[in-house]
């Protein structure tokens, strides 16, 4: 059963341009950090899958395709641990994202932090963490208002 939008993205932008601008600024800072943009899209896609955010999932799948992310990775990111096609760095980023996305009152373990630090510098972990924070915020906003996914028109 499809859910009706409570508010569309355009209306959200009109009501809260400062929120949009703040989250956009965070994403721009991550993009400017030098982290691989394809990697960032993979973690945004996986977070959106975990959170069940159709709007963000469609948005980031479309953007990932434009960046040239291999279709097989897009197809298998939901089962990244078993897929056998993700690099050690991608797997570390996905594991870190899953830890932060599913964080509980117990916090983030030293083991999880040590694992991500094996593949990323301290600066990279800061921006990777910021990317996870941004997509989780967008997921919660888009899900709360049930934004209609930006599904591109298919060619006939």
C-alpha atoms as a PDB file:
ATOM      1  CA  UNK A   1       0.000   0.000   0.000  1.00  0.00           C
ATOM      2  CA  UNK A   2       1.488   3.324  -1.077  1.00  0.00           C
ATOM      3  CA  UNK A   3       1.721   6.132   1.440  1.00  0.00           C
ATOM      4  CA  UNK A   4       0.594   9.600   0.508  1.00  0.00           C
ATOM      5  CA  UNK A   5       3.034  12.429   0.873  1.00  0.00           C
ATOM      6  CA  UNK A   6       2.410  14.579   3.922  1.00  0.00           C
ATOM      7  CA  UNK A   7       4.441  17.345   2.314  1.00  0.00           C
ATOM      8  CA  UNK A   8       6.535  17.498  -0.841  1.00  0.00           C
ATOM      9  CA  UNK A   9      10.186  18.500  -0.864  1.00  0.00           C
ATOM     10  CA  UNK A  10       9.451  21.832  -2.594  1.00  0.00           C
ATOM     11  CA  UNK A  11       7.100  22.837   0.225  1.00  0.00           C
ATOM     12  CA  UNK A  12       9.676  21.805   2.832  1.00  0.00           C
ATOM     13  CA  UNK A  13      12.235  24.026   1.061  1.00  0.00           C
ATOM     14  CA  UNK A  14       9.840  26.994   1.216  1.00  0.00           C
ATOM     15  CA  UNK A  15       9.116  26.496   4.903  1.00  0.00           C
ATOM     16  CA  UNK A  16      12.652  25.657   6.064  1.00  0.00           C
ATOM     17  CA  UNK A  17      15.252  27.011   3.624  1.00  0.00           C
ATOM     18  CA  UNK A  18      17.745  27.377   6.471  1.00  0.00           C
ATOM     19  CA  UNK A  19      17.490  23.676   7.305  1.00  0.00           C
ATOM     20  CA  UNK A  20      18.006  22.764   3.654  1.00  0.00           C
ATOM     21  CA  UNK A  21      20.923  25.197   3.416  1.00  0.00           C
ATOM     22  CA  UNK A  22      22.525  23.829   6.582  1.00  0.00           C
ATOM     23  CA  UNK A  23      22.340  20.215   5.445  1.00  0.00           C
ATOM     24  CA  UNK A  24      23.472  21.204   1.955  1.00  0.00           C
ATOM     25  CA  UNK A  25      26.471  23.019   3.465  1.00  0.00           C
ATOM     26  CA  UNK A  26      27.363  19.894   5.430  1.00  0.00           C
ATOM     27  CA  UNK A  27      27.201  17.788   2.254  1.00  0.00           C
ATOM     28  CA  UNK A  28      29.312  20.339   0.347  1.00  0.00           C
ATOM     29  CA  UNK A  29      31.956  20.231   3.085  1.00  0.00           C
ATOM     30  CA  UNK A  30      32.087  16.449   2.750  1.00  0.00           C
ATOM     31  CA  UNK A  31      32.359  16.708  -1.049  1.00  0.00           C
ATOM     32  CA  UNK A  32      35.190  19.245  -0.722  1.00  0.00           C
ATOM     33  CA  UNK A  33      37.054  17.002   1.752  1.00  0.00           C
ATOM     34  CA  UNK A  34      38.547  14.789  -0.932  1.00  0.00           C
ATOM     35  CA  UNK A  35      36.669  11.638   0.068  1.00  0.00           C
ATOM     36  CA  UNK A  36      35.771   9.545  -2.941  1.00  0.00           C
ATOM     37  CA  UNK A  37      32.347  10.708  -4.147  1.00  0.00           C
ATOM     38  CA  UNK A  38      31.334   7.233  -5.284  1.00  0.00           C
ATOM     39  CA  UNK A  39      32.089   5.912  -1.794  1.00  0.00           C
ATOM     40  CA  UNK A  40      29.997   8.677  -0.240  1.00  0.00           C
ATOM     41  CA  UNK A  41      27.073   7.754  -2.483  1.00  0.00           C
ATOM     42  CA  UNK A  42      27.359   4.081  -1.536  1.00  0.00           C
ATOM     43  CA  UNK A  43      27.051   4.909   2.150  1.00  0.00           C
ATOM     44  CA  UNK A  44      24.133   7.265   1.485  1.00  0.00           C
ATOM     45  CA  UNK A  45      22.361   4.560  -0.509  1.00  0.00           C
ATOM     46  CA  UNK A  46      22.900   1.933   2.156  1.00  0.00           C
ATOM     47  CA  UNK A  47      21.805   4.268   4.974  1.00  0.00           C
ATOM     48  CA  UNK A  48      18.665   5.117   3.019  1.00  0.00           C
ATOM     49  CA  UNK A  49      17.963   1.403   2.568  1.00  0.00           C
ATOM     50  CA  UNK A  50      18.396   0.748   6.282  1.00  0.00           C
ATOM     51  CA  UNK A  51      16.202   3.704   7.198  1.00  0.00           C
ATOM     52  CA  UNK A  52      13.578   2.857   4.569  1.00  0.00           C
ATOM     53  CA  UNK A  53      13.745   6.258   2.885  1.00  0.00           C
ATOM     54  CA  UNK A  54      12.435   5.901  -0.671  1.00  0.00           C
ATOM     55  CA  UNK A  55      13.021   9.575  -1.529  1.00  0.00           C
ATOM     56  CA  UNK A  56      16.700   9.581  -0.552  1.00  0.00           C
ATOM     57  CA  UNK A  57      17.302   6.114  -1.977  1.00  0.00           C
ATOM     58  CA  UNK A  58      16.040   7.125  -5.419  1.00  0.00           C
ATOM     59  CA  UNK A  59      17.875  10.455  -5.280  1.00  0.00           C
ATOM     60  CA  UNK A  60      21.226   8.883  -4.384  1.00  0.00           C
ATOM     61  CA  UNK A  61      20.880   5.926  -6.767  1.00  0.00           C
ATOM     62  CA  UNK A  62      20.358   8.398  -9.609  1.00  0.00           C
ATOM     63  CA  UNK A  63      23.328  10.501  -8.515  1.00  0.00           C
ATOM     64  CA  UNK A  64      25.548   7.432  -8.052  1.00  0.00           C
ATOM     65  CA  UNK A  65      24.783   6.325 -11.615  1.00  0.00           C
ATOM     66  CA  UNK A  66      25.765   9.787 -12.878  1.00  0.00           C
ATOM     67  CA  UNK A  67      29.067   9.447 -11.001  1.00  0.00           C
ATOM     68  CA  UNK A  68      29.691   6.085 -12.680  1.00  0.00           C
ATOM     69  CA  UNK A  69      29.232   3.767  -9.704  1.00  0.00           C
ATOM     70  CA  UNK A  70      29.258   0.232 -11.104  1.00  0.00           C
ATOM     71  CA  UNK A  71      25.713  -1.149 -11.348  1.00  0.00           C
ATOM     72  CA  UNK A  72      26.728  -4.389  -9.650  1.00  0.00           C
ATOM     73  CA  UNK A  73      27.746  -2.417  -6.553  1.00  0.00           C
ATOM     74  CA  UNK A  74      24.423  -0.599  -6.574  1.00  0.00           C
ATOM     75  CA  UNK A  75      22.640  -3.936  -6.888  1.00  0.00           C
ATOM     76  CA  UNK A  76      24.600  -5.580  -4.066  1.00  0.00           C
ATOM     77  CA  UNK A  77      25.213  -2.787  -1.559  1.00  0.00           C
ATOM     78  CA  UNK A  78      22.397  -4.160   0.621  1.00  0.00           C
ATOM     79  CA  UNK A  79      24.438  -7.356   1.057  1.00  0.00           C
ATOM     80  CA  UNK A  80      27.882  -5.763   0.924  1.00  0.00           C
ATOM     81  CA  UNK A  81      29.439  -8.089   3.513  1.00  0.00           C
ATOM     82  CA  UNK A  82      28.794 -11.163   1.367  1.00  0.00           C
ATOM     83  CA  UNK A  83      29.011  -9.683  -2.138  1.00  0.00           C
ATOM     84  CA  UNK A  84      32.764 -10.088  -2.565  1.00  0.00           C
ATOM     85  CA  UNK A  85      33.051  -6.996  -4.792  1.00  0.00           C
ATOM     86  CA  UNK A  86      33.623  -4.187  -2.311  1.00  0.00           C
ATOM     87  CA  UNK A  87      37.116  -2.994  -1.424  1.00  0.00           C
ATOM     88  CA  UNK A  88      38.406  -3.037   2.137  1.00  0.00           C
ATOM     89  CA  UNK A  89      37.958   0.743   2.257  1.00  0.00           C
ATOM     90  CA  UNK A  90      34.352   0.546   1.006  1.00  0.00           C
ATOM     91  CA  UNK A  91      33.581  -2.192   3.510  1.00  0.00           C
ATOM     92  CA  UNK A  92      35.073  -0.167   6.359  1.00  0.00           C
ATOM     93  CA  UNK A  93      32.990   2.864   5.345  1.00  0.00           C
ATOM     94  CA  UNK A  94      29.808   0.804   5.070  1.00  0.00           C
ATOM     95  CA  UNK A  95      30.449  -0.831   8.459  1.00  0.00           C
ATOM     96  CA  UNK A  96      31.059   2.593  10.050  1.00  0.00           C
ATOM     97  CA  UNK A  97      27.875   3.954   8.471  1.00  0.00           C
ATOM     98  CA  UNK A  98      25.859   0.995   9.767  1.00  0.00           C
ATOM     99  CA  UNK A  99      27.309   1.463  13.255  1.00  0.00           C
ATOM    100  CA  UNK A 100      26.412   5.156  13.322  1.00  0.00           C
ATOM    101  CA  UNK A 101      23.012   4.689  11.674  1.00  0.00           C
ATOM    102  CA  UNK A 102      22.065   2.044  14.219  1.00  0.00           C
ATOM    103  CA  UNK A 103      23.665   3.747  17.197  1.00  0.00           C
ATOM    104  CA  UNK A 104      22.031   3.059  20.534  1.00  0.00           C
ATOM    105  CA  UNK A 105      22.404   4.493  24.011  1.00  0.00           C
ATOM    106  CA  UNK A 106      25.495   2.280  24.335  1.00  0.00           C
ATOM    107  CA  UNK A 107      27.315   4.566  21.908  1.00  0.00           C
ATOM    108  CA  UNK A 108      30.007   3.649  19.398  1.00  0.00           C
ATOM    109  CA  UNK A 109      32.478   0.983  20.439  1.00  0.00           C
ATOM    110  CA  UNK A 110      36.242   1.348  20.375  1.00  0.00           C
ATOM    111  CA  UNK A 111      36.350  -1.707  18.108  1.00  0.00           C
ATOM    112  CA  UNK A 112      34.118  -0.028  15.512  1.00  0.00           C
ATOM    113  CA  UNK A 113      36.268   3.114  15.618  1.00  0.00           C
ATOM    114  CA  UNK A 114      39.497   1.109  15.358  1.00  0.00           C
ATOM    115  CA  UNK A 115      38.120  -0.771  12.339  1.00  0.00           C
ATOM    116  CA  UNK A 116      37.317   2.391  10.393  1.00  0.00           C
ATOM    117  CA  UNK A 117      40.684   3.922  11.363  1.00  0.00           C
ATOM    118  CA  UNK A 118      42.462   0.986   9.675  1.00  0.00           C
ATOM    119  CA  UNK A 119      41.267   2.282   6.287  1.00  0.00           C
ATOM    120  CA  UNK A 120      40.786   6.018   6.818  1.00  0.00           C
ATOM    121  CA  UNK A 121      42.818   8.883   8.244  1.00  0.00           C
ATOM    122  CA  UNK A 122      41.470  10.861  11.172  1.00  0.00           C
ATOM    123  CA  UNK A 123      40.416  13.672   8.816  1.00  0.00           C
ATOM    124  CA  UNK A 124      38.655  11.195   6.538  1.00  0.00           C
ATOM    125  CA  UNK A 125      36.795   9.662   9.492  1.00  0.00           C
ATOM    126  CA  UNK A 126      35.568  13.135  10.445  1.00  0.00           C
ATOM    127  CA  UNK A 127      34.114  13.719   6.981  1.00  0.00           C
ATOM    128  CA  UNK A 128      32.823  10.162   6.643  1.00  0.00           C
ATOM    129  CA  UNK A 129      31.028  10.618   9.961  1.00  0.00           C
ATOM    130  CA  UNK A 130      29.655  13.943   8.758  1.00  0.00           C
ATOM    131  CA  UNK A 131      28.323  12.295   5.590  1.00  0.00           C
ATOM    132  CA  UNK A 132      26.559   9.661   7.691  1.00  0.00           C
ATOM    133  CA  UNK A 133      25.078  12.348   9.930  1.00  0.00           C
ATOM    134  CA  UNK A 134      23.812  14.302   6.914  1.00  0.00           C
ATOM    135  CA  UNK A 135      22.123  11.364   5.192  1.00  0.00           C
ATOM    136  CA  UNK A 136      20.524  10.212   8.427  1.00  0.00           C
ATOM    137  CA  UNK A 137      19.121  13.714   8.972  1.00  0.00           C
ATOM    138  CA  UNK A 138      17.791  13.851   5.391  1.00  0.00           C
ATOM    139  CA  UNK A 139      16.314  10.343   5.761  1.00  0.00           C
ATOM    140  CA  UNK A 140      14.412  11.364   8.861  1.00  0.00           C
ATOM    141  CA  UNK A 141      13.088  14.558   7.274  1.00  0.00           C
ATOM    142  CA  UNK A 142      12.067  12.848   4.023  1.00  0.00           C
ATOM    143  CA  UNK A 143      10.438   9.963   5.877  1.00  0.00           C
ATOM    144  CA  UNK A 144       8.567  12.204   8.329  1.00  0.00           C
ATOM    145  CA  UNK A 145       6.903  14.063   5.468  1.00  0.00           C
ATOM    146  CA  UNK A 146       6.841  11.119   3.033  1.00  0.00           C
ATOM    147  CA  UNK A 147       8.398  13.099   0.192  1.00  0.00           C
ATOM    148  CA  UNK A 148       7.495  11.599  -3.168  1.00  0.00           C
ATOM    149  CA  UNK A 149      10.655   9.985  -4.608  1.00  0.00           C
ATOM    150  CA  UNK A 150      12.176  11.924  -7.514  1.00  0.00           C
ATOM    151  CA  UNK A 151      11.709   9.064  -9.966  1.00  0.00           C
ATOM    152  CA  UNK A 152      13.139  10.003 -13.351  1.00  0.00           C
ATOM    153  CA  UNK A 153      10.889   9.548 -16.351  1.00  0.00           C
ATOM    154  CA  UNK A 154      11.726   6.327 -18.154  1.00  0.00           C
ATOM    155  CA  UNK A 155      12.265   6.448 -21.889  1.00  0.00           C
ATOM    156  CA  UNK A 156       9.580   4.696 -23.883  1.00  0.00           C
END
